[in-house]
Each structure stands twice: as C-alpha cells, then as structure tokens.
Amino acid sequence: GELLFTGAGGNVRLDNEGNLYSDGKLLGTITPAGAEGQ
C-alpha cells in the first residue's frame, strides 16, 4: 500500500525497462535495488 507515484490515473502501463506511463505520460521509473541500495 506504499505510495510510489501520484496521478497514475486509470490507464497505467509499465514497460520492460521499468518506465511507468499513465495515458502516455511518463510518471517515473521503477528500478530493482542492488546491494546497499545501489
């Protein structure tokens, strides 16, 4: 339930690089964390 991005709207798409789009607009990027947060 943690808030990651606001304004996602209803049409959400995530591509294979972790880019999160809402109605074609880039909201941000989700990236797996490495060792010690890298």
PDB file of all heavy atoms in Angstrom:
ATOM      1  N   GLY A   1       0.790  -1.222   0.000  1.00  0.00           N
ATOM      2  CA  GLY A   1       0.000   0.000   0.000  1.00  0.00           C
ATOM      3  C   GLY A   1       0.823   1.272   0.000  1.00  0.00           C
ATOM      4  O   GLY A   1       0.275   2.369   0.040  1.00  0.00           O
ATOM      5  N   GLU A   2       2.164   1.142  -0.046  1.00  0.00           N
ATOM      6  CA  GLU A   2       3.015   2.327  -0.018  1.00  0.00           C
ATOM      7  C   GLU A   2       2.862   3.132  -1.314  1.00  0.00           C
ATOM      8  O   GLU A   2       2.752   2.567  -2.395  1.00  0.00           O
ATOM      9  CB  GLU A   2       4.484   1.948   0.215  1.00  0.00           C
ATOM     10  CG  GLU A   2       5.110   1.095  -0.868  1.00  0.00           C
ATOM     11  CD  GLU A   2       4.887  -0.398  -0.677  1.00  0.00           C
ATOM     12  OE1 GLU A   2       3.925  -0.786  -0.001  1.00  0.00           O
ATOM     13  OE2 GLU A   2       5.673  -1.174  -1.242  1.00  0.00           O
ATOM     14  N   LEU A   3       2.834   4.450  -1.169  1.00  0.00           N
ATOM     15  CA  LEU A   3       2.660   5.347  -2.312  1.00  0.00           C
ATOM     16  C   LEU A   3       3.958   5.422  -3.110  1.00  0.00           C
ATOM     17  O   LEU A   3       4.999   5.769  -2.579  1.00  0.00           O
ATOM     18  CB  LEU A   3       2.248   6.738  -1.829  1.00  0.00           C
ATOM     19  CG  LEU A   3       2.060   7.790  -2.917  1.00  0.00           C
ATOM     20  CD1 LEU A   3       0.921   7.403  -3.847  1.00  0.00           C
ATOM     21  CD2 LEU A   3       1.807   9.154  -2.282  1.00  0.00           C
ATOM     22  N   LEU A   4       3.873   5.095  -4.386  1.00  0.00           N
ATOM     23  CA  LEU A   4       5.051   5.142  -5.254  1.00  0.00           C
ATOM     24  C   LEU A   4       4.983   6.321  -6.214  1.00  0.00           C
ATOM     25  O   LEU A   4       5.954   7.046  -6.382  1.00  0.00           O
ATOM     26  CB  LEU A   4       5.201   3.832  -6.026  1.00  0.00           C
ATOM     27  CG  LEU A   4       5.351   2.566  -5.170  1.00  0.00           C
ATOM     28  CD1 LEU A   4       5.482   1.347  -6.055  1.00  0.00           C
ATOM     29  CD2 LEU A   4       6.541   2.685  -4.242  1.00  0.00           C
ATOM     30  N   PHE A   5       3.827   6.508  -6.865  1.00  0.00           N
ATOM     31  CA  PHE A   5       3.650   7.624  -7.787  1.00  0.00           C
ATOM     32  C   PHE A   5       2.227   8.150  -7.656  1.00  0.00           C
ATOM     33  O   PHE A   5       1.292   7.375  -7.447  1.00  0.00           O
ATOM     34  CB  PHE A   5       3.885   7.187  -9.243  1.00  0.00           C
ATOM     35  CG  PHE A   5       5.275   6.699  -9.513  1.00  0.00           C
ATOM     36  CD1 PHE A   5       5.537   5.354  -9.663  1.00  0.00           C
ATOM     37  CD2 PHE A   5       6.336   7.591  -9.618  1.00  0.00           C
ATOM     38  CE1 PHE A   5       6.814   4.893  -9.904  1.00  0.00           C
ATOM     39  CE2 PHE A   5       7.618   7.140  -9.870  1.00  0.00           C
ATOM     40  CZ  PHE A   5       7.855   5.799 -10.013  1.00  0.00           C
ATOM     41  N   THR A   6       2.089   9.467  -7.782  1.00  0.00           N
ATOM     42  CA  THR A   6       0.755  10.068  -7.765  1.00  0.00           C
ATOM     43  C   THR A   6       0.311  10.344  -9.193  1.00  0.00           C
ATOM     44  O   THR A   6       1.126  10.414 -10.115  1.00  0.00           O
ATOM     45  CB  THR A   6       0.759  11.382  -6.965  1.00  0.00           C
ATOM     46  OG1 THR A   6       1.718  12.273  -7.550  1.00  0.00           O
ATOM     47  CG2 THR A   6       1.124  11.130  -5.504  1.00  0.00           C
ATOM     48  N   GLY A   7      -0.975  10.522  -9.366  1.00  0.00           N
ATOM     49  CA  GLY A   7      -1.520  10.879 -10.665  1.00  0.00           C
ATOM     50  C   GLY A   7      -1.410   9.789 -11.702  1.00  0.00           C
ATOM     51  O   GLY A   7      -1.268  10.071 -12.892  1.00  0.00           O
ATOM     52  N   ALA A   8      -1.480   8.536 -11.257  1.00  0.00           N
ATOM     53  CA  ALA A   8      -1.336   7.429 -12.209  1.00  0.00           C
ATOM     54  C   ALA A   8      -2.548   7.303 -13.113  1.00  0.00           C
ATOM     55  O   ALA A   8      -2.435   6.870 -14.253  1.00  0.00           O
ATOM     56  CB  ALA A   8      -1.109   6.119 -11.454  1.00  0.00           C
ATOM     57  N   GLY A   9      -3.714   7.696 -12.636  1.00  0.00           N
ATOM     58  CA  GLY A   9      -4.914   7.585 -13.458  1.00  0.00           C
ATOM     59  C   GLY A   9      -5.313   6.140 -13.670  1.00  0.00           C
ATOM     60  O   GLY A   9      -4.887   5.244 -12.958  1.00  0.00           O
ATOM     61  N   GLY A  10      -6.132   5.907 -14.672  1.00  0.00           N
ATOM     62  CA  GLY A  10      -6.652   4.565 -14.865  1.00  0.00           C
ATOM     63  C   GLY A  10      -5.898   3.743 -15.888  1.00  0.00           C
ATOM     64  O   GLY A  10      -5.844   2.535 -15.816  1.00  0.00           O
ATOM     65  N   ASN A  11      -5.303   4.418 -16.882  1.00  0.00           N
ATOM     66  CA  ASN A  11      -4.629   3.712 -17.963  1.00  0.00           C
ATOM     67  C   ASN A  11      -3.134   3.659 -17.669  1.00  0.00           C
ATOM     68  O   ASN A  11      -2.365   4.510 -18.117  1.00  0.00           O
ATOM     69  CB  ASN A  11      -4.915   4.426 -19.285  1.00  0.00           C
ATOM     70  CG  ASN A  11      -4.339   3.679 -20.473  1.00  0.00           C
ATOM     71  OD1 ASN A  11      -4.001   2.506 -20.377  1.00  0.00           O
ATOM     72  ND2 ASN A  11      -4.213   4.373 -21.592  1.00  0.00           N
ATOM     73  N   VAL A  12      -2.721   2.661 -16.905  1.00  0.00           N
ATOM     74  CA  VAL A  12      -1.342   2.554 -16.466  1.00  0.00           C
ATOM     75  C   VAL A  12      -0.629   1.472 -17.262  1.00  0.00           C
ATOM     76  O   VAL A  12      -1.159   0.389 -17.478  1.00  0.00           O
ATOM     77  CB  VAL A  12      -1.264   2.228 -14.960  1.00  0.00           C
ATOM     78  CG1 VAL A  12       0.176   2.028 -14.523  1.00  0.00           C
ATOM     79  CG2 VAL A  12      -1.899   3.348 -14.155  1.00  0.00           C
ATOM     80  N   ARG A  13       0.589   1.802 -17.699  1.00  0.00           N
ATOM     81  CA  ARG A  13       1.391   0.838 -18.445  1.00  0.00           C
ATOM     82  C   ARG A  13       2.824   0.902 -17.948  1.00  0.00           C
ATOM     83  O   ARG A  13       3.364   1.972 -17.692  1.00  0.00           O
ATOM     84  CB  ARG A  13       1.339   1.153 -19.948  1.00  0.00           C
ATOM     85  CG  ARG A  13       2.145   0.208 -20.810  1.00  0.00           C
ATOM     86  CD  ARG A  13       2.001   0.558 -22.283  1.00  0.00           C
ATOM     87  NE  ARG A  13       2.573   1.856 -22.596  1.00  0.00           N
ATOM     88  CZ  ARG A  13       3.860   2.071 -22.866  1.00  0.00           C
ATOM     89  NH1 ARG A  13       4.716   1.049 -22.864  1.00  0.00           N
ATOM     90  NH2 ARG A  13       4.304   3.279 -23.154  1.00  0.00           N
ATOM     91  N   LEU A  14       3.426  -0.258 -17.802  1.00  0.00           N
ATOM     92  CA  LEU A  14       4.828  -0.339 -17.375  1.00  0.00           C
ATOM     93  C   LEU A  14       5.596  -1.090 -18.450  1.00  0.00           C
ATOM     94  O   LEU A  14       5.212  -2.193 -18.837  1.00  0.00           O
ATOM     95  CB  LEU A  14       4.913  -1.106 -16.046  1.00  0.00           C
ATOM     96  CG  LEU A  14       6.260  -1.116 -15.342  1.00  0.00           C
ATOM     97  CD1 LEU A  14       6.565   0.258 -14.757  1.00  0.00           C
ATOM     98  CD2 LEU A  14       6.264  -2.142 -14.217  1.00  0.00           C
ATOM     99  N   ASP A  15       6.684  -0.474 -18.949  1.00  0.00           N
ATOM    100  CA  ASP A  15       7.447  -1.165 -19.986  1.00  0.00           C
ATOM    101  C   ASP A  15       8.532  -2.038 -19.352  1.00  0.00           C
ATOM    102  O   ASP A  15       8.684  -2.076 -18.134  1.00  0.00           O
ATOM    103  CB  ASP A  15       8.030  -0.175 -21.011  1.00  0.00           C
ATOM    104  CG  ASP A  15       9.082   0.756 -20.418  1.00  0.00           C
ATOM    105  OD1 ASP A  15       9.649   0.440 -19.341  1.00  0.00           O
ATOM    106  OD2 ASP A  15       9.351   1.807 -21.028  1.00  0.00           O
ATOM    107  N   ASN A  16       9.288  -2.742 -20.209  1.00  0.00           N
ATOM    108  CA  ASN A  16      10.276  -3.707 -19.724  1.00  0.00           C
ATOM    109  C   ASN A  16      11.494  -3.061 -19.065  1.00  0.00           C
ATOM    110  O   ASN A  16      12.313  -3.745 -18.464  1.00  0.00           O
ATOM    111  CB  ASN A  16      10.740  -4.619 -20.858  1.00  0.00           C
ATOM    112  CG  ASN A  16       9.668  -5.596 -21.265  1.00  0.00           C
ATOM    113  OD1 ASN A  16       8.674  -5.746 -20.575  1.00  0.00           O
ATOM    114  ND2 ASN A  16       9.852  -6.256 -22.392  1.00  0.00           N
ATOM    115  N   GLU A  17      11.641  -1.742 -19.189  1.00  0.00           N
ATOM    116  CA  GLU A  17      12.732  -1.038 -18.521  1.00  0.00           C
ATOM    117  C   GLU A  17      12.286  -0.437 -17.195  1.00  0.00           C
ATOM    118  O   GLU A  17      13.057   0.225 -16.511  1.00  0.00           O
ATOM    119  CB  GLU A  17      13.295   0.076 -19.411  1.00  0.00           C
ATOM    120  CG  GLU A  17      14.236  -0.432 -20.499  1.00  0.00           C
ATOM    121  CD  GLU A  17      13.491  -1.146 -21.615  1.00  0.00           C
ATOM    122  OE1 GLU A  17      12.466  -0.605 -22.077  1.00  0.00           O
ATOM    123  OE2 GLU A  17      13.925  -2.241 -22.012  1.00  0.00           O
ATOM    124  N   GLY A  18      11.015  -0.639 -16.832  1.00  0.00           N
ATOM    125  CA  GLY A  18      10.504  -0.127 -15.567  1.00  0.00           C
ATOM    126  C   GLY A  18       9.919   1.264 -15.647  1.00  0.00           C
ATOM    127  O   GLY A  18       9.612   1.875 -14.620  1.00  0.00           O
ATOM    128  N   ASN A  19       9.738   1.810 -16.856  1.00  0.00           N
ATOM    129  CA  ASN A  19       9.130   3.130 -17.010  1.00  0.00           C
ATOM    130  C   ASN A  19       7.621   3.014 -16.862  1.00  0.00           C
ATOM    131  O   ASN A  19       6.976   2.208 -17.540  1.00  0.00           O
ATOM    132  CB  ASN A  19       9.478   3.730 -18.377  1.00  0.00           C
ATOM    133  CG  ASN A  19      10.965   3.939 -18.544  1.00  0.00           C
ATOM    134  OD1 ASN A  19      11.622   4.473 -17.660  1.00  0.00           O
ATOM    135  ND2 ASN A  19      11.505   3.475 -19.664  1.00  0.00           N
ATOM    136  N   LEU A  20       7.074   3.827 -15.964  1.00  0.00           N
ATOM    137  CA  LEU A  20       5.640   3.791 -15.679  1.00  0.00           C
ATOM    138  C   LEU A  20       4.946   4.935 -16.408  1.00  0.00           C
ATOM    139  O   LEU A  20       5.304   6.107 -16.225  1.00  0.00           O
ATOM    140  CB  LEU A  20       5.399   3.904 -14.167  1.00  0.00           C
ATOM    141  CG  LEU A  20       3.941   3.874 -13.716  1.00  0.00           C
ATOM    142  CD1 LEU A  20       3.358   2.474 -13.930  1.00  0.00           C
ATOM    143  CD2 LEU A  20       3.833   4.270 -12.252  1.00  0.00           C
ATOM    144  N   TYR A  21       3.965   4.594 -17.247  1.00  0.00           N
ATOM    145  CA  TYR A  21       3.230   5.587 -18.024  1.00  0.00           C
ATOM    146  C   TYR A  21       1.766   5.600 -17.606  1.00  0.00           C
ATOM    147  O   TYR A  21       1.187   4.573 -17.256  1.00  0.00           O
ATOM    148  CB  TYR A  21       3.305   5.264 -19.525  1.00  0.00           C
ATOM    149  CG  TYR A  21       4.699   5.321 -20.097  1.00  0.00           C
ATOM    150  CD1 TYR A  21       5.500   4.178 -20.138  1.00  0.00           C
ATOM    151  CD2 TYR A  21       5.207   6.515 -20.620  1.00  0.00           C
ATOM    152  CE1 TYR A  21       6.782   4.229 -20.663  1.00  0.00           C
ATOM    153  CE2 TYR A  21       6.490   6.557 -21.150  1.00  0.00           C
ATOM    154  CZ  TYR A  21       7.267   5.413 -21.171  1.00  0.00           C
ATOM    155  OH  TYR A  21       8.536   5.463 -21.695  1.00  0.00           O
ATOM    156  N   SER A  22       1.171   6.784 -17.656  1.00  0.00           N
ATOM    157  CA  SER A  22      -0.265   6.939 -17.455  1.00  0.00           C
ATOM    158  C   SER A  22      -0.808   7.767 -18.599  1.00  0.00           C
ATOM    159  O   SER A  22      -0.418   8.932 -18.778  1.00  0.00           O
ATOM    160  CB  SER A  22      -0.547   7.630 -16.115  1.00  0.00           C
ATOM    161  OG  SER A  22      -1.938   7.862 -15.972  1.00  0.00           O
ATOM    162  N   ASP A  23      -1.654   7.155 -19.404  1.00  0.00           N
ATOM    163  CA  ASP A  23      -2.186   7.811 -20.605  1.00  0.00           C
ATOM    164  C   ASP A  23      -1.070   8.379 -21.469  1.00  0.00           C
ATOM    165  O   ASP A  23      -1.150   9.506 -21.985  1.00  0.00           O
ATOM    166  CB  ASP A  23      -3.166   8.928 -20.208  1.00  0.00           C
ATOM    167  CG  ASP A  23      -4.403   8.381 -19.513  1.00  0.00           C
ATOM    168  OD1 ASP A  23      -4.876   7.297 -19.913  1.00  0.00           O
ATOM    169  OD2 ASP A  23      -4.864   9.012 -18.547  1.00  0.00           O
ATOM    170  N   GLY A  24       0.026   7.603 -21.577  1.00  0.00           N
ATOM    171  CA  GLY A  24       1.143   8.004 -22.422  1.00  0.00           C
ATOM    172  C   GLY A  24       2.135   8.933 -21.756  1.00  0.00           C
ATOM    173  O   GLY A  24       3.190   9.225 -22.321  1.00  0.00           O
ATOM    174  N   LYS A  25       1.831   9.421 -20.552  1.00  0.00           N
ATOM    175  CA  LYS A  25       2.729  10.350 -19.845  1.00  0.00           C
ATOM    176  C   LYS A  25       3.615   9.577 -18.882  1.00  0.00           C
ATOM    177  O   LYS A  25       3.140   8.757 -18.101  1.00  0.00           O
ATOM    178  CB  LYS A  25       1.905  11.379 -19.074  1.00  0.00           C
ATOM    179  CG  LYS A  25       2.740  12.332 -18.235  1.00  0.00           C
ATOM    180  CD  LYS A  25       1.845  13.217 -17.390  1.00  0.00           C
ATOM    181  CE  LYS A  25       2.684  14.059 -16.437  1.00  0.00           C
ATOM    182  NZ  LYS A  25       1.813  14.861 -15.534  1.00  0.00           N
ATOM    183  N   LEU A  26       4.931   9.846 -18.939  1.00  0.00           N
ATOM    184  CA  LEU A  26       5.879   9.170 -18.060  1.00  0.00           C
ATOM    185  C   LEU A  26       5.741   9.699 -16.637  1.00  0.00           C
ATOM    186  O   LEU A  26       5.927  10.891 -16.390  1.00  0.00           O
ATOM    187  CB  LEU A  26       7.314   9.365 -18.564  1.00  0.00           C
ATOM    188  CG  LEU A  26       8.423   8.742 -17.714  1.00  0.00           C
ATOM    189  CD1 LEU A  26       8.306   7.214 -17.719  1.00  0.00           C
ATOM    190  CD2 LEU A  26       9.795   9.173 -18.220  1.00  0.00           C
ATOM    191  N   LEU A  27       5.421   8.787 -15.699  1.00  0.00           N
ATOM    192  CA  LEU A  27       5.312   9.169 -14.289  1.00  0.00           C
ATOM    193  C   LEU A  27       6.636   9.002 -13.559  1.00  0.00           C
ATOM    194  O   LEU A  27       6.956   9.745 -12.641  1.00  0.00           O
ATOM    195  CB  LEU A  27       4.250   8.324 -13.583  1.00  0.00           C
ATOM    196  CG  LEU A  27       2.802   8.518 -14.012  1.00  0.00           C
ATOM    197  CD1 LEU A  27       1.898   7.587 -13.236  1.00  0.00           C
ATOM    198  CD2 LEU A  27       2.378   9.963 -13.782  1.00  0.00           C
ATOM    199  N   GLY A  28       7.400   8.006 -13.926  1.00  0.00           N
ATOM    200  CA  GLY A  28       8.665   7.718 -13.264  1.00  0.00           C
ATOM    201  C   GLY A  28       9.147   6.340 -13.655  1.00  0.00           C
ATOM    202  O   GLY A  28       8.562   5.676 -14.518  1.00  0.00           O
ATOM    203  N   THR A  29      10.213   5.918 -13.010  1.00  0.00           N
ATOM    204  CA  THR A  29      10.831   4.637 -13.331  1.00  0.00           C
ATOM    205  C   THR A  29      10.957   3.786 -12.076  1.00  0.00           C
ATOM    206  O   THR A  29      11.366   4.291 -11.032  1.00  0.00           O
ATOM    207  CB  THR A  29      12.222   4.835 -13.957  1.00  0.00           C
ATOM    208  OG1 THR A  29      12.090   5.648 -15.123  1.00  0.00           O
ATOM    209  CG2 THR A  29      12.845   3.498 -14.342  1.00  0.00           C
ATOM    210  N   ILE A  30      10.606   2.540 -12.214  1.00  0.00           N
ATOM    211  CA  ILE A  30      10.768   1.569 -11.131  1.00  0.00           C
ATOM    212  C   ILE A  30      12.007   0.744 -11.457  1.00  0.00           C
ATOM    213  O   ILE A  30      12.113   0.167 -12.538  1.00  0.00           O
ATOM    214  CB  ILE A  30       9.533   0.659 -11.004  1.00  0.00           C
ATOM    215  CG1 ILE A  30       8.319   1.497 -10.585  1.00  0.00           C
ATOM    216  CG2 ILE A  30       9.774  -0.460 -10.023  1.00  0.00           C
ATOM    217  CD1 ILE A  30       7.048   0.705 -10.530  1.00  0.00           C
ATOM    218  N   THR A  31      12.949   0.712 -10.526  1.00  0.00           N
ATOM    219  CA  THR A  31      14.203   0.002 -10.742  1.00  0.00           C
ATOM    220  C   THR A  31      14.482  -0.924  -9.576  1.00  0.00           C
ATOM    221  O   THR A  31      14.346  -0.506  -8.421  1.00  0.00           O
ATOM    222  CB  THR A  31      15.371   0.998 -10.875  1.00  0.00           C
ATOM    223  OG1 THR A  31      15.063   1.933 -11.903  1.00  0.00           O
ATOM    224  CG2 THR A  31      16.662   0.281 -11.215  1.00  0.00           C
ATOM    225  N   PRO A  32      14.870  -2.178  -9.844  1.00  0.00           N
ATOM    226  CA  PRO A  32      15.232  -3.069  -8.739  1.00  0.00           C
ATOM    227  C   PRO A  32      16.430  -2.513  -7.984  1.00  0.00           C
ATOM    228  O   PRO A  32      17.344  -1.947  -8.580  1.00  0.00           O
ATOM    229  CB  PRO A  32      15.595  -4.386  -9.440  1.00  0.00           C
ATOM    230  CG  PRO A  32      14.912  -4.304 -10.754  1.00  0.00           C
ATOM    231  CD  PRO A  32      14.923  -2.857 -11.128  1.00  0.00           C
ATOM    232  N   ALA A  33      16.425  -2.667  -6.681  1.00  0.00           N
ATOM    233  CA  ALA A  33      17.529  -2.189  -5.855  1.00  0.00           C
ATOM    234  C   ALA A  33      18.636  -3.219  -5.830  1.00  0.00           C
ATOM    235  O   ALA A  33      18.395  -4.414  -5.801  1.00  0.00           O
ATOM    236  CB  ALA A  33      17.050  -1.913  -4.441  1.00  0.00           C
ATOM    237  N   GLY A  34      19.870  -2.759  -5.832  1.00  0.00           N
ATOM    238  CA  GLY A  34      21.016  -3.644  -5.727  1.00  0.00           C
ATOM    239  C   GLY A  34      21.524  -3.700  -4.305  1.00  0.00           C
ATOM    240  O   GLY A  34      20.827  -3.345  -3.362  1.00  0.00           O
ATOM    241  N   ALA A  35      22.752  -4.131  -4.128  1.00  0.00           N
ATOM    242  CA  ALA A  35      23.348  -4.218  -2.807  1.00  0.00           C
ATOM    243  C   ALA A  35      23.464  -2.833  -2.197  1.00  0.00           C
ATOM    244  O   ALA A  35      23.879  -1.884  -2.858  1.00  0.00           O
ATOM    245  CB  ALA A  35      24.726  -4.872  -2.908  1.00  0.00           C
ATOM    246  N   GLU A  36      23.081  -2.722  -0.949  1.00  0.00           N
ATOM    247  CA  GLU A  36      23.150  -1.475  -0.183  1.00  0.00           C
ATOM    248  C   GLU A  36      22.451  -0.329  -0.918  1.00  0.00           C
ATOM    249  O   GLU A  36      22.899   0.818  -0.915  1.00  0.00           O
ATOM    250  CB  GLU A  36      24.605  -1.104   0.111  1.00  0.00           C
ATOM    251  CG  GLU A  36      25.343  -2.154   0.935  1.00  0.00           C
ATOM    252  CD  GLU A  36      26.790  -1.778   1.207  1.00  0.00           C
ATOM    253  OE1 GLU A  36      27.204  -0.677   0.790  1.00  0.00           O
ATOM    254  OE2 GLU A  36      27.486  -2.581   1.845  1.00  0.00           O
ATOM    255  N   GLY A  37      21.319  -0.649  -1.538  1.00  0.00           N
ATOM    256  CA  GLY A  37      20.517   0.390  -2.169  1.00  0.00           C
ATOM    257  C   GLY A  37      20.972   0.820  -3.538  1.00  0.00           C
ATOM    258  O   GLY A  37      20.323   1.644  -4.176  1.00  0.00           O
ATOM    259  N   GLN A  38      22.085   0.287  -4.040  1.00  0.00           N
ATOM    260  CA  GLN A  38      22.546   0.648  -5.368  1.00  0.00           C
ATOM    261  C   GLN A  38      21.649  -0.003  -6.416  1.00  0.00           C
ATOM    262  O   GLN A  38      21.212  -1.128  -6.245  1.00  0.00           O
ATOM    263  CB  GLN A  38      23.994   0.194  -5.573  1.00  0.00           C
ATOM    264  CG  GLN A  38      24.980   0.883  -4.655  1.00  0.00           C
ATOM    265  CD  GLN A  38      26.389   0.368  -4.869  1.00  0.00           C
ATOM    266  OE1 GLN A  38      26.602  -0.552  -5.645  1.00  0.00           O
ATOM    267  NE2 GLN A  38      27.342   0.956  -4.177  1.00  0.00           N
TER     268      GLN A  38
END
